[in-house]
Amino acid sequence: MSSSNALKRLAVAWPRDQARPGLQFSQLLQYIAERSVDGVSPRTIAAVNCLETDRMMSKYTLTKRTTEPKSYPKHYHRTLKGYEDAIKGKKRTMLQTIFGSY
């Protein structure tokens, strides 16, 4: 299988980003595979494979110290909740935005 075909296969399998329906990573991968003159490097294919399988998350686990910093322990939890709410179409009121409450 050529490197361009391998990248196209990864692009098709890539999950859709619900938060940005008009901007998909799979479209970028398709574009690179179609426009590459010399083919796609094996290193690029390996990097996309690592992203797809979450290999780095298992290699470099996040500690509680990282995910809950003392200066703002709920930062990442609130960021993730805001992202999930945005996908569902939920909006915060102006006061919730100003005072940072959920």
PDB file of N, CA and C in Angstrom:
ATOM      1  N   MET A   1       0.856  -1.183   0.000  1.00  0.00           N
ATOM      2  CA  MET A   1       0.000   0.000   0.000  1.00  0.00           C
ATOM      3  C   MET A   1       0.895   1.237   0.000  1.00  0.00           C
ATOM      4  N   SER A   2       0.575   2.155  -0.871  1.00  0.00           N
ATOM      5  CA  SER A   2       1.382   3.371  -0.928  1.00  0.00           C
ATOM      6  C   SER A   2       1.114   4.233   0.299  1.00  0.00           C
ATOM      7  N   SER A   3       2.029   5.133   0.552  1.00  0.00           N
ATOM      8  CA  SER A   3       1.889   5.989   1.732  1.00  0.00           C
ATOM      9  C   SER A   3       0.680   6.915   1.607  1.00  0.00           C
ATOM     10  N   SER A   4       0.384   7.369   0.391  1.00  0.00           N
ATOM     11  CA  SER A   4      -0.786   8.228   0.200  1.00  0.00           C
ATOM     12  C   SER A   4      -2.074   7.462   0.480  1.00  0.00           C
ATOM     13  N   ASN A   5      -2.124   6.208   0.049  1.00  0.00           N
ATOM     14  CA  ASN A   5      -3.308   5.384   0.319  1.00  0.00           C
ATOM     15  C   ASN A   5      -3.461   5.110   1.813  1.00  0.00           C
ATOM     16  N   ALA A   6      -2.337   4.922   2.502  1.00  0.00           N
ATOM     17  CA  ALA A   6      -2.391   4.693   3.947  1.00  0.00           C
ATOM     18  C   ALA A   6      -2.952   5.925   4.657  1.00  0.00           C
ATOM     19  N   LEU A   7      -2.535   7.099   4.206  1.00  0.00           N
ATOM     20  CA  LEU A   7      -3.039   8.333   4.816  1.00  0.00           C
ATOM     21  C   LEU A   7      -4.518   8.535   4.492  1.00  0.00           C
ATOM     22  N   LYS A   8      -4.939   8.187   3.286  1.00  0.00           N
ATOM     23  CA  LYS A   8      -6.358   8.275   2.924  1.00  0.00           C
ATOM     24  C   LYS A   8      -7.194   7.329   3.781  1.00  0.00           C
ATOM     25  N   ARG A   9      -6.668   6.132   4.039  1.00  0.00           N
ATOM     26  CA  ARG A   9      -7.377   5.166   4.892  1.00  0.00           C
ATOM     27  C   ARG A   9      -7.549   5.726   6.301  1.00  0.00           C
ATOM     28  N   LEU A  10      -6.508   6.360   6.813  1.00  0.00           N
ATOM     29  CA  LEU A  10      -6.590   6.965   8.145  1.00  0.00           C
ATOM     30  C   LEU A  10      -7.581   8.134   8.149  1.00  0.00           C
ATOM     31  N   ALA A  11      -7.615   8.893   7.058  1.00  0.00           N
ATOM     32  CA  ALA A  11      -8.531  10.032   6.968  1.00  0.00           C
ATOM     33  C   ALA A  11      -9.982   9.570   6.998  1.00  0.00           C
ATOM     34  N   VAL A  12     -10.271   8.481   6.312  1.00  0.00           N
ATOM     35  CA  VAL A  12     -11.643   7.963   6.288  1.00  0.00           C
ATOM     36  C   VAL A  12     -12.059   7.457   7.674  1.00  0.00           C
ATOM     37  N   ALA A  13     -11.122   6.855   8.387  1.00  0.00           N
ATOM     38  CA  ALA A  13     -11.425   6.292   9.701  1.00  0.00           C
ATOM     39  C   ALA A  13     -11.454   7.343  10.818  1.00  0.00           C
ATOM     40  N   TRP A  14     -10.955   8.542  10.529  1.00  0.00           N
ATOM     41  CA  TRP A  14     -10.846   9.568  11.575  1.00  0.00           C
ATOM     42  C   TRP A  14     -12.238  10.011  12.047  1.00  0.00           C
ATOM     43  N   PRO A  15     -12.465  10.098  13.360  1.00  0.00           N
ATOM     44  CA  PRO A  15     -13.788  10.514  13.854  1.00  0.00           C
ATOM     45  C   PRO A  15     -14.079  11.986  13.552  1.00  0.00           C
ATOM     46  N   ARG A  16     -15.350  12.282  13.334  1.00  0.00           N
ATOM     47  CA  ARG A  16     -15.766  13.662  13.037  1.00  0.00           C
ATOM     48  C   ARG A  16     -15.742  14.502  14.304  1.00  0.00           C
ATOM     49  N   ASP A  17     -15.354  15.749  14.158  1.00  0.00           N
ATOM     50  CA  ASP A  17     -15.354  16.709  15.261  1.00  0.00           C
ATOM     51  C   ASP A  17     -16.718  17.383  15.286  1.00  0.00           C
ATOM     52  N   GLN A  18     -17.506  17.084  16.308  1.00  0.00           N
ATOM     53  CA  GLN A  18     -18.865  17.616  16.396  1.00  0.00           C
ATOM     54  C   GLN A  18     -18.881  19.097  16.740  1.00  0.00           C
ATOM     55  N   ALA A  19     -17.837  19.581  17.375  1.00  0.00           N
ATOM     56  CA  ALA A  19     -17.804  20.986  17.780  1.00  0.00           C
ATOM     57  C   ALA A  19     -17.552  21.918  16.593  1.00  0.00           C
ATOM     58  N   ARG A  20     -16.829  21.418  15.592  1.00  0.00           N
ATOM     59  CA  ARG A  20     -16.523  22.222  14.395  1.00  0.00           C
ATOM     60  C   ARG A  20     -16.849  21.421  13.143  1.00  0.00           C
ATOM     61  N   PRO A  21     -18.126  21.364  12.772  1.00  0.00           N
ATOM     62  CA  PRO A  21     -18.498  20.532  11.624  1.00  0.00           C
ATOM     63  C   PRO A  21     -17.894  20.993  10.305  1.00  0.00           C
ATOM     64  N   GLY A  22     -17.553  22.242  10.182  1.00  0.00           N
ATOM     65  CA  GLY A  22     -16.978  22.748   8.938  1.00  0.00           C
ATOM     66  C   GLY A  22     -15.476  22.624   8.850  1.00  0.00           C
ATOM     67  N   LEU A  23     -14.835  22.169   9.901  1.00  0.00           N
ATOM     68  CA  LEU A  23     -13.374  22.088   9.941  1.00  0.00           C
ATOM     69  C   LEU A  23     -12.992  20.715  10.489  1.00  0.00           C
ATOM     70  N   GLN A  24     -12.665  19.805   9.599  1.00  0.00           N
ATOM     71  CA  GLN A  24     -12.376  18.431   9.992  1.00  0.00           C
ATOM     72  C   GLN A  24     -10.919  18.075   9.725  1.00  0.00           C
ATOM     73  N   PHE A  25     -10.313  17.381  10.678  1.00  0.00           N
ATOM     74  CA  PHE A  25      -8.926  16.937  10.535  1.00  0.00           C
ATOM     75  C   PHE A  25      -8.809  15.926   9.397  1.00  0.00           C
ATOM     76  N   SER A  26      -9.855  15.134   9.201  1.00  0.00           N
ATOM     77  CA  SER A  26      -9.825  14.137   8.124  1.00  0.00           C
ATOM     78  C   SER A  26      -9.714  14.811   6.756  1.00  0.00           C
ATOM     79  N   GLN A  27     -10.310  15.994   6.603  1.00  0.00           N
ATOM     80  CA  GLN A  27     -10.197  16.719   5.335  1.00  0.00           C
ATOM     81  C   GLN A  27      -8.751  17.155   5.094  1.00  0.00           C
ATOM     82  N   LEU A  28      -8.073  17.561   6.143  1.00  0.00           N
ATOM     83  CA  LEU A  28      -6.662  17.935   6.011  1.00  0.00           C
ATOM     84  C   LEU A  28      -5.826  16.728   5.597  1.00  0.00           C
ATOM     85  N   LEU A  29      -6.085  15.576   6.219  1.00  0.00           N
ATOM     86  CA  LEU A  29      -5.345  14.365   5.862  1.00  0.00           C
ATOM     87  C   LEU A  29      -5.598  13.975   4.399  1.00  0.00           C
ATOM     88  N   GLN A  30      -6.861  14.069   3.962  1.00  0.00           N
ATOM     89  CA  GLN A  30      -7.206  13.784   2.558  1.00  0.00           C
ATOM     90  C   GLN A  30      -6.442  14.727   1.627  1.00  0.00           C
ATOM     91  N   TYR A  31      -6.438  16.006   1.985  1.00  0.00           N
ATOM     92  CA  TYR A  31      -5.768  17.025   1.176  1.00  0.00           C
ATOM     93  C   TYR A  31      -4.275  16.707   1.043  1.00  0.00           C
ATOM     94  N   ILE A  32      -3.645  16.375   2.144  1.00  0.00           N
ATOM     95  CA  ILE A  32      -2.206  16.064   2.120  1.00  0.00           C
ATOM     96  C   ILE A  32      -1.953  14.831   1.263  1.00  0.00           C
ATOM     97  N   ALA A  33      -2.794  13.804   1.408  1.00  0.00           N
ATOM     98  CA  ALA A  33      -2.608  12.566   0.645  1.00  0.00           C
ATOM     99  C   ALA A  33      -2.776  12.804  -0.851  1.00  0.00           C
ATOM    100  N   GLU A  34      -3.728  13.638  -1.225  1.00  0.00           N
ATOM    101  CA  GLU A  34      -3.981  13.885  -2.649  1.00  0.00           C
ATOM    102  C   GLU A  34      -2.956  14.822  -3.276  1.00  0.00           C
ATOM    103  N   ARG A  35      -2.432  15.758  -2.531  1.00  0.00           N
ATOM    104  CA  ARG A  35      -1.546  16.773  -3.090  1.00  0.00           C
ATOM    105  C   ARG A  35      -0.061  16.449  -2.963  1.00  0.00           C
ATOM    106  N   SER A  36       0.278  15.408  -2.230  1.00  0.00           N
ATOM    107  CA  SER A  36       1.700  15.119  -2.035  1.00  0.00           C
ATOM    108  C   SER A  36       2.299  14.560  -3.324  1.00  0.00           C
ATOM    109  N   VAL A  37       3.352  15.190  -3.784  1.00  0.00           N
ATOM    110  CA  VAL A  37       4.006  14.812  -5.037  1.00  0.00           C
ATOM    111  C   VAL A  37       4.917  13.605  -4.817  1.00  0.00           C
ATOM    112  N   ASP A  38       5.708  13.652  -3.767  1.00  0.00           N
ATOM    113  CA  ASP A  38       6.674  12.586  -3.488  1.00  0.00           C
ATOM    114  C   ASP A  38       6.104  11.505  -2.582  1.00  0.00           C
ATOM    115  N   GLY A  39       4.839  11.564  -2.273  1.00  0.00           N
ATOM    116  CA  GLY A  39       4.260  10.623  -1.328  1.00  0.00           C
ATOM    117  C   GLY A  39       4.400  11.158   0.087  1.00  0.00           C
ATOM    118  N   VAL A  40       3.745  10.523   0.974  1.00  0.00           N
ATOM    119  CA  VAL A  40       3.752  10.941   2.372  1.00  0.00           C
ATOM    120  C   VAL A  40       4.832  10.151   3.099  1.00  0.00           C
ATOM    121  N   SER A  41       5.572  10.827   3.955  1.00  0.00           N
ATOM    122  CA  SER A  41       6.671  10.146   4.648  1.00  0.00           C
ATOM    123  C   SER A  41       6.126   9.129   5.646  1.00  0.00           C
ATOM    124  N   PRO A  42       6.857   8.046   5.868  1.00  0.00           N
ATOM    125  CA  PRO A  42       6.444   7.049   6.857  1.00  0.00           C
ATOM    126  C   PRO A  42       6.319   7.649   8.261  1.00  0.00           C
ATOM    127  N   ARG A  43       7.111   8.668   8.504  1.00  0.00           N
ATOM    128  CA  ARG A  43       7.059   9.332   9.813  1.00  0.00           C
ATOM    129  C   ARG A  43       5.704  10.028  10.021  1.00  0.00           C
ATOM    130  N   THR A  44       5.163  10.615   8.947  1.00  0.00           N
ATOM    131  CA  THR A  44       3.853  11.258   9.006  1.00  0.00           C
ATOM    132  C   THR A  44       2.771  10.220   9.283  1.00  0.00           C
ATOM    133  N   ILE A  45       2.843   9.086   8.595  1.00  0.00           N
ATOM    134  CA  ILE A  45       1.877   8.010   8.802  1.00  0.00           C
ATOM    135  C   ILE A  45       1.944   7.515  10.241  1.00  0.00           C
ATOM    136  N   ALA A  46       3.141   7.353  10.761  1.00  0.00           N
ATOM    137  CA  ALA A  46       3.312   6.885  12.142  1.00  0.00           C
ATOM    138  C   ALA A  46       2.747   7.894  13.138  1.00  0.00           C
ATOM    139  N   ALA A  47       2.948   9.181  12.878  1.00  0.00           N
ATOM    140  CA  ALA A  47       2.433  10.217  13.779  1.00  0.00           C
ATOM    141  C   ALA A  47       0.910  10.222  13.795  1.00  0.00           C
ATOM    142  N   VAL A  48       0.282  10.083  12.632  1.00  0.00           N
ATOM    143  CA  VAL A  48      -1.188  10.050  12.572  1.00  0.00           C
ATOM    144  C   VAL A  48      -1.707   8.791  13.250  1.00  0.00           C
ATOM    145  N   ASN A  49      -0.999   7.674  13.084  1.00  0.00           N
ATOM    146  CA  ASN A  49      -1.386   6.437  13.776  1.00  0.00           C
ATOM    147  C   ASN A  49      -1.341   6.616  15.286  1.00  0.00           C
ATOM    148  N   CYS A  50      -0.314   7.298  15.772  1.00  0.00           N
ATOM    149  CA  CYS A  50      -0.200   7.558  17.216  1.00  0.00           C
ATOM    150  C   CYS A  50      -1.375   8.394  17.711  1.00  0.00           C
ATOM    151  N   LEU A  51      -1.760   9.394  16.933  1.00  0.00           N
ATOM    152  CA  LEU A  51      -2.907  10.223  17.310  1.00  0.00           C
ATOM    153  C   LEU A  51      -4.193   9.413  17.323  1.00  0.00           C
ATOM    154  N   GLU A  52      -4.356   8.565  16.322  1.00  0.00           N
ATOM    155  CA  GLU A  52      -5.589   7.790  16.198  1.00  0.00           C
ATOM    156  C   GLU A  52      -5.754   6.792  17.341  1.00  0.00           C
ATOM    157  N   THR A  53      -4.674   6.179  17.766  1.00  0.00           N
ATOM    158  CA  THR A  53      -4.761   5.133  18.788  1.00  0.00           C
ATOM    159  C   THR A  53      -4.542   5.659  20.205  1.00  0.00           C
ATOM    160  N   ASP A  54      -4.349   6.961  20.361  1.00  0.00           N
ATOM    161  CA  ASP A  54      -4.083   7.556  21.683  1.00  0.00           C
ATOM    162  C   ASP A  54      -2.865   6.921  22.359  1.00  0.00           C
ATOM    163  N   ARG A  55      -1.885   6.564  21.574  1.00  0.00           N
ATOM    164  CA  ARG A  55      -0.693   5.912  22.108  1.00  0.00           C
ATOM    165  C   ARG A  55       0.059   6.804  23.092  1.00  0.00           C
ATOM    166  N   MET A  56       0.083   8.098  22.837  1.00  0.00           N
ATOM    167  CA  MET A  56       0.820   9.000  23.716  1.00  0.00           C
ATOM    168  C   MET A  56       0.118   9.158  25.074  1.00  0.00           C
ATOM    169  N   MET A  57      -1.219   9.073  25.082  1.00  0.00           N
ATOM    170  CA  MET A  57      -1.939   9.174  26.361  1.00  0.00           C
ATOM    171  C   MET A  57      -1.581   8.012  27.281  1.00  0.00           C
ATOM    172  N   SER A  58      -1.368   6.835  26.713  1.00  0.00           N
ATOM    173  CA  SER A  58      -0.988   5.703  27.553  1.00  0.00           C
ATOM    174  C   SER A  58       0.488   5.749  27.929  1.00  0.00           C
ATOM    175  N   LYS A  59       1.289   6.352  27.072  1.00  0.00           N
ATOM    176  CA  LYS A  59       2.721   6.448  27.364  1.00  0.00           C
ATOM    177  C   LYS A  59       3.007   7.539  28.395  1.00  0.00           C
ATOM    178  N   TYR A  60       2.323   8.664  28.270  1.00  0.00           N
ATOM    179  CA  TYR A  60       2.532   9.796  29.170  1.00  0.00           C
ATOM    180  C   TYR A  60       1.226  10.083  29.911  1.00  0.00           C
ATOM    181  N   THR A  61       0.996   9.372  30.987  1.00  0.00           N
ATOM    182  CA  THR A  61      -0.247   9.549  31.730  1.00  0.00           C
ATOM    183  C   THR A  61      -0.241  10.886  32.474  1.00  0.00           C
ATOM    184  N   LEU A  62      -1.410  11.464  32.587  1.00  0.00           N
ATOM    185  CA  LEU A  62      -1.542  12.740  33.293  1.00  0.00           C
ATOM    186  C   LEU A  62      -1.782  12.483  34.771  1.00  0.00           C
ATOM    187  N   THR A  63      -1.040  13.178  35.602  1.00  0.00           N
ATOM    188  CA  THR A  63      -1.197  13.031  37.040  1.00  0.00           C
ATOM    189  C   THR A  63      -2.262  13.999  37.542  1.00  0.00           C
ATOM    190  N   LYS A  64      -2.693  13.780  38.764  1.00  0.00           N
ATOM    191  CA  LYS A  64      -3.678  14.675  39.372  1.00  0.00           C
ATOM    192  C   LYS A  64      -3.095  16.082  39.522  1.00  0.00           C
ATOM    193  N   ARG A  65      -1.804  16.149  39.734  1.00  0.00           N
ATOM    194  CA  ARG A  65      -1.135  17.447  39.864  1.00  0.00           C
ATOM    195  C   ARG A  65      -1.257  18.257  38.567  1.00  0.00           C
ATOM    196  N   THR A  66      -1.252  17.554  37.436  1.00  0.00           N
ATOM    197  CA  THR A  66      -1.385  18.228  36.146  1.00  0.00           C
ATOM    198  C   THR A  66      -2.828  18.592  35.855  1.00  0.00           C
ATOM    199  N   THR A  67      -3.737  17.659  36.096  1.00  0.00           N
ATOM    200  CA  THR A  67      -5.137  17.883  35.728  1.00  0.00           C
ATOM    201  C   THR A  67      -5.890  18.740  36.736  1.00  0.00           C
ATOM    202  N   GLU A  68      -5.382  18.869  37.938  1.00  0.00           N
ATOM    203  CA  GLU A  68      -6.023  19.695  38.958  1.00  0.00           C
ATOM    204  C   GLU A  68      -4.987  20.593  39.630  1.00  0.00           C
ATOM    205  N   PRO A  69      -4.504  21.621  38.916  1.00  0.00           N
ATOM    206  CA  PRO A  69      -3.482  22.495  39.496  1.00  0.00           C
ATOM    207  C   PRO A  69      -4.020  23.234  40.719  1.00  0.00           C
ATOM    208  N   LYS A  70      -3.160  23.473  41.683  1.00  0.00           N
ATOM    209  CA  LYS A  70      -3.581  24.119  42.924  1.00  0.00           C
ATOM    210  C   LYS A  70      -4.143  25.519  42.691  1.00  0.00           C
ATOM    211  N   SER A  71      -3.650  26.196  41.680  1.00  0.00           N
ATOM    212  CA  SER A  71      -4.110  27.558  41.429  1.00  0.00           C
ATOM    213  C   SER A  71      -5.551  27.602  40.918  1.00  0.00           C
ATOM    214  N   TYR A  72      -5.991  26.540  40.247  1.00  0.00           N
ATOM    215  CA  TYR A  72      -7.350  26.519  39.699  1.00  0.00           C
ATOM    216  C   TYR A  72      -7.751  25.055  39.478  1.00  0.00           C
ATOM    217  N   PRO A  73      -8.100  24.342  40.545  1.00  0.00           N
ATOM    218  CA  PRO A  73      -8.298  22.894  40.472  1.00  0.00           C
ATOM    219  C   PRO A  73      -9.386  22.420  39.502  1.00  0.00           C
ATOM    220  N   LYS A  74     -10.408  23.222  39.266  1.00  0.00           N
ATOM    221  CA  LYS A  74     -11.504  22.771  38.410  1.00  0.00           C
ATOM    222  C   LYS A  74     -11.383  23.240  36.961  1.00  0.00           C
ATOM    223  N   HIS A  75     -10.241  23.808  36.584  1.00  0.00           N
ATOM    224  CA  HIS A  75     -10.080  24.395  35.257  1.00  0.00           C
ATOM    225  C   HIS A  75     -10.382  23.390  34.145  1.00  0.00           C
ATOM    226  N   TYR A  76      -9.723  22.243  34.145  1.00  0.00           N
ATOM    227  CA  TYR A  76      -9.890  21.295  33.050  1.00  0.00           C
ATOM    228  C   TYR A  76     -11.265  20.644  33.081  1.00  0.00           C
ATOM    229  N   HIS A  77     -11.801  20.412  34.265  1.00  0.00           N
ATOM    230  CA  HIS A  77     -13.152  19.867  34.380  1.00  0.00           C
ATOM    231  C   HIS A  77     -14.163  20.836  33.765  1.00  0.00           C
ATOM    232  N   ARG A  78     -14.025  22.108  34.083  1.00  0.00           N
ATOM    233  CA  ARG A  78     -14.954  23.111  33.560  1.00  0.00           C
ATOM    234  C   ARG A  78     -14.770  23.314  32.057  1.00  0.00           C
ATOM    235  N   THR A  79     -13.542  23.239  31.582  1.00  0.00           N
ATOM    236  CA  THR A  79     -13.287  23.364  30.155  1.00  0.00           C
ATOM    237  C   THR A  79     -13.948  22.220  29.394  1.00  0.00           C
ATOM    238  N   LEU A  80     -13.791  21.004  29.895  1.00  0.00           N
ATOM    239  CA  LEU A  80     -14.398  19.839  29.264  1.00  0.00           C
ATOM    240  C   LEU A  80     -15.921  19.918  29.305  1.00  0.00           C
ATOM    241  N   LYS A  81     -16.473  20.363  30.422  1.00  0.00           N
ATOM    242  CA  LYS A  81     -17.924  20.508  30.541  1.00  0.00           C
ATOM    243  C   LYS A  81     -18.438  21.562  29.556  1.00  0.00           C
ATOM    244  N   GLY A  82     -17.731  22.651  29.413  1.00  0.00           N
ATOM    245  CA  GLY A  82     -18.111  23.683  28.449  1.00  0.00           C
ATOM    246  C   GLY A  82     -18.083  23.168  27.019  1.00  0.00           C
ATOM    247  N   TYR A  83     -17.082  22.358  26.704  1.00  0.00           N
ATOM    248  CA  TYR A  83     -16.982  21.765  25.368  1.00  0.00           C
ATOM    249  C   TYR A  83     -18.154  20.824  25.113  1.00  0.00           C
ATOM    250  N   GLU A  84     -18.450  19.962  26.091  1.00  0.00           N
ATOM    251  CA  GLU A  84     -19.563  19.016  25.949  1.00  0.00           C
ATOM    252  C   GLU A  84     -20.898  19.749  25.824  1.00  0.00           C
ATOM    253  N   ASP A  85     -21.076  20.806  26.608  1.00  0.00           N
ATOM    254  CA  ASP A  85     -22.308  21.591  26.521  1.00  0.00           C
ATOM    255  C   ASP A  85     -22.429  22.281  25.166  1.00  0.00           C
ATOM    256  N   ALA A  86     -21.324  22.743  24.631  1.00  0.00           N
ATOM    257  CA  ALA A  86     -21.342  23.411  23.327  1.00  0.00           C
ATOM    258  C   ALA A  86     -21.765  22.439  22.228  1.00  0.00           C
ATOM    259  N   ILE A  87     -21.299  21.204  22.326  1.00  0.00           N
ATOM    260  CA  ILE A  87     -21.689  20.192  21.340  1.00  0.00           C
ATOM    261  C   ILE A  87     -23.188  19.926  21.420  1.00  0.00           C
ATOM    262  N   LYS A  88     -23.713  19.920  22.647  1.00  0.00           N
ATOM    263  CA  LYS A  88     -25.147  19.673  22.836  1.00  0.00           C
ATOM    264  C   LYS A  88     -25.996  20.891  22.494  1.00  0.00           C
ATOM    265  N   GLY A  89     -25.357  22.033  22.289  1.00  0.00           N
ATOM    266  CA  GLY A  89     -26.084  23.251  21.954  1.00  0.00           C
ATOM    267  C   GLY A  89     -26.522  24.057  23.160  1.00  0.00           C
ATOM    268  N   LYS A  90     -26.066  23.679  24.351  1.00  0.00           N
ATOM    269  CA  LYS A  90     -26.415  24.422  25.560  1.00  0.00           C
ATOM    270  C   LYS A  90     -25.570  25.689  25.628  1.00  0.00           C
ATOM    271  N   LYS A  91     -26.207  26.764  26.031  1.00  0.00           N
ATOM    272  CA  LYS A  91     -25.485  28.032  26.158  1.00  0.00           C
ATOM    273  C   LYS A  91     -25.585  28.532  27.586  1.00  0.00           C
ATOM    274  N   ARG A  92     -24.551  29.251  27.999  1.00  0.00           N
ATOM    275  CA  ARG A  92     -24.566  29.870  29.321  1.00  0.00           C
ATOM    276  C   ARG A  92     -25.143  31.269  29.211  1.00  0.00           C
ATOM    277  N   THR A  93     -25.747  31.708  30.288  1.00  0.00           N
ATOM    278  CA  THR A  93     -26.262  33.075  30.308  1.00  0.00           C
ATOM    279  C   THR A  93     -25.087  34.041  30.448  1.00  0.00           C
ATOM    280  N   MET A  94     -25.367  35.321  30.240  1.00  0.00           N
ATOM    281  CA  MET A  94     -24.321  36.327  30.355  1.00  0.00           C
ATOM    282  C   MET A  94     -23.750  36.344  31.779  1.00  0.00           C
ATOM    283  N   LEU A  95     -24.601  36.201  32.782  1.00  0.00           N
ATOM    284  CA  LEU A  95     -24.123  36.213  34.169  1.00  0.00           C
ATOM    285  C   LEU A  95     -23.250  34.990  34.463  1.00  0.00           C
ATOM    286  N   GLN A  96     -23.617  33.837  33.917  1.00  0.00           N
ATOM    287  CA  GLN A  96     -22.789  32.646  34.110  1.00  0.00           C
ATOM    288  C   GLN A  96     -21.414  32.839  33.464  1.00  0.00           C
ATOM    289  N   THR A  97     -21.402  33.497  32.331  1.00  0.00           N
ATOM    290  CA  THR A  97     -20.130  33.751  31.655  1.00  0.00           C
ATOM    291  C   THR A  97     -19.263  34.713  32.452  1.00  0.00           C
ATOM    292  N   ILE A  98     -19.883  35.790  32.959  1.00  0.00           N
ATOM    293  CA  ILE A  98     -19.142  36.800  33.713  1.00  0.00           C
ATOM    294  C   ILE A  98     -18.592  36.234  35.014  1.00  0.00           C
ATOM    295  N   PHE A  99     -19.451  35.521  35.755  1.00  0.00           N
ATOM    296  CA  PHE A  99     -19.040  35.020  37.065  1.00  0.00           C
ATOM    297  C   PHE A  99     -18.455  33.606  37.031  1.00  0.00           C
ATOM    298  N   GLY A 100     -18.428  33.011  35.858  1.00  0.00           N
ATOM    299  CA  GLY A 100     -17.770  31.711  35.708  1.00  0.00           C
ATOM    300  C   GLY A 100     -18.481  30.583  36.407  1.00  0.00           C
ATOM    301  N   SER A 101     -19.786  30.653  36.539  1.00  0.00           N
ATOM    302  CA  SER A 101     -20.505  29.564  37.198  1.00  0.00           C
ATOM    303  C   SER A 101     -21.149  28.650  36.170  1.00  0.00           C
ATOM    304  N   TYR A 102     -21.374  27.425  36.588  1.00  0.00           N
ATOM    305  CA  TYR A 102     -22.045  26.454  35.730  1.00  0.00           C
ATOM    306  C   TYR A 102     -23.283  25.964  36.399  1.00  0.00           C
TER     307      TYR A 102
END
